[in-house]
Amino acid sequence: MAEIPATLVVKLRKMSGQGIMDCKKALEETGGDLDKAMDILRKKGLATLAKRAERETTQGLVVGKTSGDGRTAVLASLCCETDFVANSEDFKAAADKLAEYAMASVQNEGIENILETAVGGKKYKDAITELVSKTGEKTEVGDYAKFQMGGTGLICTYIHFNRKVGTMVEFETGDANVAASDEMKRTGADVAMHITATKPLALDKSGIAADVIEREKAIYAEQVKNKPANIVEKIVEGKMNKFYEENCLLEQKFVKDDTKTVAQVVNEAAKKAGGTAKIKRFVRFDVG
């Protein structure tokens, strides 16, 4: 077997990000052919993915990115098996790349669209395969959303310091001046943090699934089933109003001032900015 030059091993290591011994072994198997050696390392990653297909990916990082003009933003999560790998530099780099690929994707949702998106000639699914061959852990994109504004407004994102949870929220405004105002930007950032903390189920009542509503009503009715029917109805109605207040974003008490609802806070901020504004949509992703 021909001796593999150390310079070639180092070159493959820089190309693949794999360990020295793995690179040397791959080069020895291919007689020093870099391309074939890269294929071997990639197959190693695919084999690891297949082997660990049933493993749970409960750890990871949330990432986000906003376009230069502020009219497009993405939020996504990259998940793995352990917190140890999630905190590794290789995983963090792959997570940062995920935000780049998400921004480049031509679709606004669907994990498969990110995996098939290419940046610099490489698809993100190949980047994951390379990462798996380094870490030995199953790794996958957990969530993905892209907001693109059609009219006037602003998109605000917030990712907690541990990068385990993040939020993206879009506001519609009456005009561009309101969207560009410091008052609206501050409020938008505060609302994004509020969502991260309170985990609302939906923007308003219409966004909560009918089966969830019926389940809650049944639970409340069961709790007071021994009372007269008219009393049960009133109690259930009261408890449902409380449920909506706790789980619908617009009805929630604002975390920085619980004397006001989120809707009131947004309306007041827009009024100070000289116009109107409303929350159009939001997403909240977490891992771990």
Protein backbone atom coordinates (compact mmCIF):
# COMPACT_ATOMS: atom_id res chain seq x y z
CA MET A 1 0.00 0.00 0.00
CA ALA A 2 1.39 3.37 -1.04
CA GLU A 3 2.17 5.80 1.77
CA ILE A 4 -0.39 8.59 1.96
CA PRO A 5 1.29 12.01 2.23
CA ALA A 6 0.41 13.93 5.38
CA THR A 7 -0.36 16.98 3.25
CA LEU A 8 -3.10 15.02 1.43
CA VAL A 9 -4.60 13.87 4.74
CA VAL A 10 -4.65 17.48 5.97
CA LYS A 11 -6.26 18.62 2.74
CA LEU A 12 -9.04 16.03 3.06
CA ARG A 13 -9.53 16.98 6.68
CA LYS A 14 -10.05 20.62 5.67
CA MET A 15 -12.44 19.58 2.92
CA SER A 16 -14.52 17.22 5.05
CA GLY A 17 -14.06 18.41 8.62
CA GLN A 18 -13.47 14.78 9.64
CA GLY A 19 -10.85 13.46 12.03
CA ILE A 20 -7.29 12.79 10.89
CA MET A 21 -7.55 9.02 11.29
CA ASP A 22 -10.85 8.80 9.38
CA CYS A 23 -9.36 10.87 6.55
CA LYS A 24 -6.20 8.79 6.41
CA LYS A 25 -8.19 5.55 6.34
CA ALA A 26 -10.45 6.82 3.55
CA LEU A 27 -7.44 7.88 1.48
CA GLU A 28 -5.75 4.54 2.01
CA GLU A 29 -8.90 2.75 0.82
CA THR A 30 -9.00 4.87 -2.35
CA GLY A 31 -5.33 4.98 -3.13
CA GLY A 32 -5.11 8.70 -2.42
CA ASP A 33 -8.13 9.74 -4.52
CA LEU A 34 -9.65 12.78 -2.77
CA ASP A 35 -13.05 12.61 -4.46
CA LYS A 36 -13.51 8.92 -3.73
CA ALA A 37 -12.31 9.46 -0.17
CA MET A 38 -14.94 12.18 0.27
CA ASP A 39 -17.56 9.71 -0.98
CA ILE A 40 -16.46 7.19 1.64
CA LEU A 41 -16.77 9.76 4.41
CA ARG A 42 -20.20 10.81 3.15
CA LYS A 43 -21.37 7.18 3.05
CA LYS A 44 -20.22 6.87 6.64
CA GLY A 45 -22.59 9.68 7.55
CA LEU A 46 -25.48 8.12 5.62
CA ALA A 47 -24.85 4.78 7.31
CA THR A 48 -24.92 6.45 10.70
CA LEU A 49 -28.21 8.19 9.84
CA ALA A 50 -29.78 4.88 8.79
CA LYS A 51 -28.45 3.07 11.86
CA ARG A 52 -29.85 5.67 14.24
CA ALA A 53 -33.08 6.38 12.36
CA GLU A 54 -35.27 5.44 15.34
CA ARG A 55 -33.36 7.57 17.86
CA GLU A 56 -35.08 10.62 19.33
CA THR A 57 -33.66 14.05 18.57
CA THR A 58 -34.72 16.03 21.63
CA GLN A 59 -31.78 18.43 21.79
CA GLY A 60 -30.54 21.11 19.42
CA LEU A 61 -30.57 24.80 18.59
CA VAL A 62 -33.01 27.36 17.24
CA VAL A 63 -31.68 29.79 14.63
CA GLY A 64 -33.05 32.79 12.78
CA LYS A 65 -32.10 35.25 10.08
CA THR A 66 -33.57 38.46 8.66
CA SER A 67 -32.96 39.93 5.22
CA GLY A 68 -31.19 43.26 4.86
CA ASP A 69 -34.41 45.08 4.01
CA GLY A 70 -36.22 43.47 6.94
CA ARG A 71 -39.04 42.15 4.74
CA THR A 72 -38.11 38.48 4.96
CA ALA A 73 -37.18 36.44 8.02
CA VAL A 74 -36.74 32.76 8.84
CA LEU A 75 -36.82 30.68 11.99
CA ALA A 76 -35.72 27.05 12.16
CA SER A 77 -34.38 24.41 14.52
CA LEU A 78 -31.66 21.81 14.08
CA CYS A 79 -32.05 18.79 16.36
CA CYS A 80 -29.74 16.03 17.59
CA GLU A 81 -29.69 13.35 20.29
CA THR A 82 -27.64 14.93 23.09
CA ASP A 83 -26.95 18.34 24.54
CA PHE A 84 -23.23 17.55 24.35
CA VAL A 85 -23.34 17.45 20.54
CA ALA A 86 -25.73 20.43 20.39
CA ASN A 87 -23.07 22.51 22.16
CA SER A 88 -20.23 21.40 19.88
CA GLU A 89 -18.70 23.89 17.46
CA ASP A 90 -19.44 21.64 14.46
CA PHE A 91 -23.13 21.50 15.36
CA LYS A 92 -23.34 25.24 16.01
CA ALA A 93 -21.76 25.91 12.62
CA ALA A 94 -24.27 23.59 10.93
CA ALA A 95 -27.13 25.33 12.74
CA ASP A 96 -25.91 28.72 11.54
CA LYS A 97 -25.78 27.33 8.01
CA LEU A 98 -29.37 26.17 8.44
CA ALA A 99 -30.50 29.78 8.79
CA GLU A 100 -28.62 30.62 5.59
CA TYR A 101 -30.21 27.73 3.70
CA ALA A 102 -33.66 28.58 5.08
CA MET A 103 -33.30 32.11 3.75
CA ALA A 104 -32.21 30.75 0.36
CA SER A 105 -35.12 28.31 0.12
CA VAL A 106 -37.75 29.31 -2.43
CA GLN A 107 -40.51 27.77 -0.30
CA ASN A 108 -41.92 29.30 2.89
CA GLU A 109 -42.42 26.01 4.70
CA GLY A 110 -41.63 22.32 4.48
CA ILE A 111 -38.44 20.82 5.88
CA GLU A 112 -37.78 18.87 2.68
CA ASN A 113 -37.47 22.18 0.81
CA ILE A 114 -34.54 23.24 2.99
CA LEU A 115 -32.85 19.86 2.66
CA GLU A 116 -32.98 20.14 -1.14
CA THR A 117 -31.89 23.79 -1.22
CA ALA A 118 -28.35 24.33 -2.49
CA VAL A 119 -25.97 27.09 -1.40
CA GLY A 120 -22.57 27.28 -3.04
CA GLY A 121 -23.32 24.07 -4.92
CA LYS A 122 -24.04 21.99 -1.79
CA LYS A 123 -27.47 20.87 -0.60
CA TYR A 124 -28.24 21.16 3.09
CA LYS A 125 -29.02 17.45 3.34
CA ASP A 126 -25.39 16.81 2.36
CA ALA A 127 -24.20 19.22 5.05
CA ILE A 128 -26.20 17.22 7.61
CA THR A 129 -24.73 13.96 6.36
CA GLU A 130 -21.23 15.35 6.83
CA LEU A 131 -22.12 16.52 10.33
CA VAL A 132 -23.49 13.10 11.26
CA SER A 133 -20.29 11.42 10.11
CA LYS A 134 -18.41 13.67 12.57
CA THR A 135 -20.71 13.44 15.58
CA GLY A 136 -22.12 9.93 15.19
CA GLU A 137 -25.57 11.22 16.19
CA LYS A 138 -28.81 11.40 14.30
CA THR A 139 -29.38 15.01 13.22
CA GLU A 140 -32.40 16.53 11.50
CA VAL A 141 -34.19 19.81 10.85
CA GLY A 142 -36.95 20.07 13.43
CA ASP A 143 -39.00 23.10 12.38
CA TYR A 144 -38.87 25.74 9.67
CA ALA A 145 -40.87 28.85 8.77
CA LYS A 146 -40.26 31.81 6.49
CA PHE A 147 -42.22 35.06 6.67
CA GLN A 148 -42.25 37.37 3.65
CA MET A 149 -44.18 40.62 3.92
CA GLY A 150 -46.47 41.65 1.10
CA GLY A 151 -47.49 45.07 2.42
CA THR A 152 -46.28 47.49 5.08
CA GLY A 153 -45.19 46.17 8.44
CA LEU A 154 -42.29 44.59 10.27
CA ILE A 155 -41.06 41.17 11.33
CA CYS A 156 -39.49 40.71 14.75
CA THR A 157 -37.56 37.69 15.97
CA TYR A 158 -36.29 36.68 19.38
CA ILE A 159 -34.03 33.74 20.25
CA HIS A 160 -33.36 33.05 23.92
CA PHE A 161 -29.74 33.20 25.06
CA ASN A 162 -29.48 29.38 25.28
CA ARG A 163 -30.74 29.08 21.68
CA LYS A 164 -33.25 26.43 22.76
CA VAL A 165 -36.35 28.52 22.02
CA GLY A 166 -37.18 31.27 19.57
CA THR A 167 -40.08 33.26 18.16
CA MET A 168 -40.87 35.10 14.95
CA VAL A 169 -43.83 37.49 14.72
CA GLU A 170 -45.14 39.60 11.84
CA PHE A 171 -47.00 42.90 12.26
CA GLU A 172 -49.14 44.68 9.67
CA THR A 173 -49.07 48.47 9.94
CA GLY A 174 -51.18 51.22 8.44
CA ASP A 175 -48.15 52.76 6.74
CA ALA A 176 -44.37 52.48 6.48
CA ASN A 177 -43.72 55.24 9.02
CA VAL A 178 -45.41 53.24 11.77
CA ALA A 179 -43.36 50.16 10.87
CA ALA A 180 -40.12 52.17 10.94
CA SER A 181 -40.87 53.90 14.26
CA ASP A 182 -38.76 53.14 17.33
CA GLU A 183 -41.95 52.70 19.32
CA MET A 184 -43.20 49.90 17.07
CA LYS A 185 -39.80 48.24 16.86
CA ARG A 186 -39.50 48.16 20.66
CA THR A 187 -43.00 46.81 21.05
CA GLY A 188 -42.41 44.20 18.36
CA ALA A 189 -39.30 42.96 20.14
CA ASP A 190 -41.19 42.85 23.45
CA VAL A 191 -44.07 40.88 21.92
CA ALA A 192 -41.60 38.36 20.44
CA MET A 193 -40.10 37.86 23.90
CA HIS A 194 -43.60 37.62 25.38
CA ILE A 195 -44.50 34.79 22.98
CA THR A 196 -41.30 32.96 23.86
CA ALA A 197 -42.20 33.10 27.53
CA THR A 198 -45.95 32.40 27.43
CA LYS A 199 -46.32 29.77 24.68
CA PRO A 200 -49.65 30.90 23.18
CA LEU A 201 -51.53 28.25 21.20
CA ALA A 202 -52.93 30.67 18.63
CA LEU A 203 -53.33 34.31 17.70
CA ASP A 204 -57.03 34.33 18.65
CA LYS A 205 -59.94 31.95 19.27
CA SER A 206 -60.34 31.15 15.58
CA GLY A 207 -56.86 29.65 15.51
CA ILE A 208 -57.53 27.02 18.18
CA ALA A 209 -58.56 23.64 16.78
CA ALA A 210 -62.17 22.63 17.36
CA ASP A 211 -61.18 19.34 18.98
CA VAL A 212 -59.04 21.20 21.52
CA ILE A 213 -61.97 23.46 22.42
CA GLU A 214 -64.34 20.51 22.78
CA ARG A 215 -61.83 18.64 24.93
CA GLU A 216 -61.45 21.59 27.28
CA LYS A 217 -65.22 22.06 27.55
CA ALA A 218 -65.66 18.35 28.36
CA ILE A 219 -63.04 18.53 31.10
CA TYR A 220 -64.63 21.58 32.69
CA ALA A 221 -68.13 20.10 32.43
CA GLU A 222 -66.92 16.90 34.11
CA GLN A 223 -65.53 18.91 37.02
CA VAL A 224 -68.97 20.36 37.82
CA LYS A 225 -71.25 17.62 36.52
CA ASN A 226 -73.26 17.42 39.76
CA LYS A 227 -74.49 21.00 39.45
CA PRO A 228 -77.67 22.10 37.62
CA ALA A 229 -77.35 22.24 33.83
CA ASN A 230 -77.74 26.02 33.62
CA ILE A 231 -75.02 26.48 36.24
CA VAL A 232 -72.74 24.03 34.46
CA GLU A 233 -73.12 26.02 31.23
CA LYS A 234 -72.18 29.29 32.91
CA ILE A 235 -69.20 27.75 34.71
CA VAL A 236 -67.90 26.15 31.53
CA GLU A 237 -68.31 29.43 29.67
CA GLY A 238 -66.33 31.25 32.36
CA LYS A 239 -63.56 28.67 32.34
CA MET A 240 -63.35 28.77 28.55
CA ASN A 241 -62.99 32.54 28.63
CA LYS A 242 -60.10 32.05 31.04
CA PHE A 243 -58.66 29.40 28.72
CA TYR A 244 -58.75 31.83 25.78
CA GLU A 245 -57.18 34.57 27.88
CA GLU A 246 -54.29 32.28 28.78
CA ASN A 247 -53.75 30.70 25.35
CA CYS A 248 -54.72 33.26 22.69
CA LEU A 249 -51.93 35.75 22.10
CA LEU A 250 -54.13 38.81 21.58
CA GLU A 251 -56.03 38.12 24.81
CA GLN A 252 -53.01 37.27 26.97
CA LYS A 253 -51.93 39.65 29.71
CA PHE A 254 -48.72 41.31 28.56
CA VAL A 255 -45.74 40.00 30.55
CA LYS A 256 -44.22 43.46 31.01
CA ASP A 257 -47.53 45.04 32.09
CA ASP A 258 -50.28 42.65 33.15
CA THR A 259 -52.85 45.46 33.32
CA LYS A 260 -53.01 45.32 29.51
CA THR A 261 -53.54 42.64 26.90
CA VAL A 262 -51.07 42.10 24.07
CA ALA A 263 -53.62 43.55 21.63
CA GLN A 264 -53.90 46.72 23.71
CA VAL A 265 -50.12 47.10 23.91
CA VAL A 266 -49.76 46.82 20.12
CA ASN A 267 -52.62 49.28 19.51
CA GLU A 268 -51.13 51.82 21.92
CA ALA A 269 -47.66 51.56 20.35
CA ALA A 270 -49.09 52.09 16.87
CA LYS A 271 -51.14 55.06 18.03
CA LYS A 272 -48.04 56.69 19.52
CA ALA A 273 -46.31 56.11 16.17
CA GLY A 274 -49.17 57.90 14.44
CA GLY A 275 -51.08 55.03 12.89
CA THR A 276 -52.39 51.50 13.28
CA ALA A 277 -50.90 48.03 13.61
CA LYS A 278 -51.95 44.46 14.27
CA ILE A 279 -50.27 41.10 14.68
CA LYS A 280 -50.68 39.03 11.52
CA ARG A 281 -49.00 35.74 12.52
CA PHE A 282 -46.33 34.17 14.67
CA VAL A 283 -44.38 30.95 15.18
CA ARG A 284 -42.59 29.66 18.26
CA PHE A 285 -40.05 26.80 18.10
CA ASP A 286 -38.26 25.07 20.96
CA VAL A 287 -36.01 22.07 21.51
CA GLY A 288 -34.85 20.16 24.55
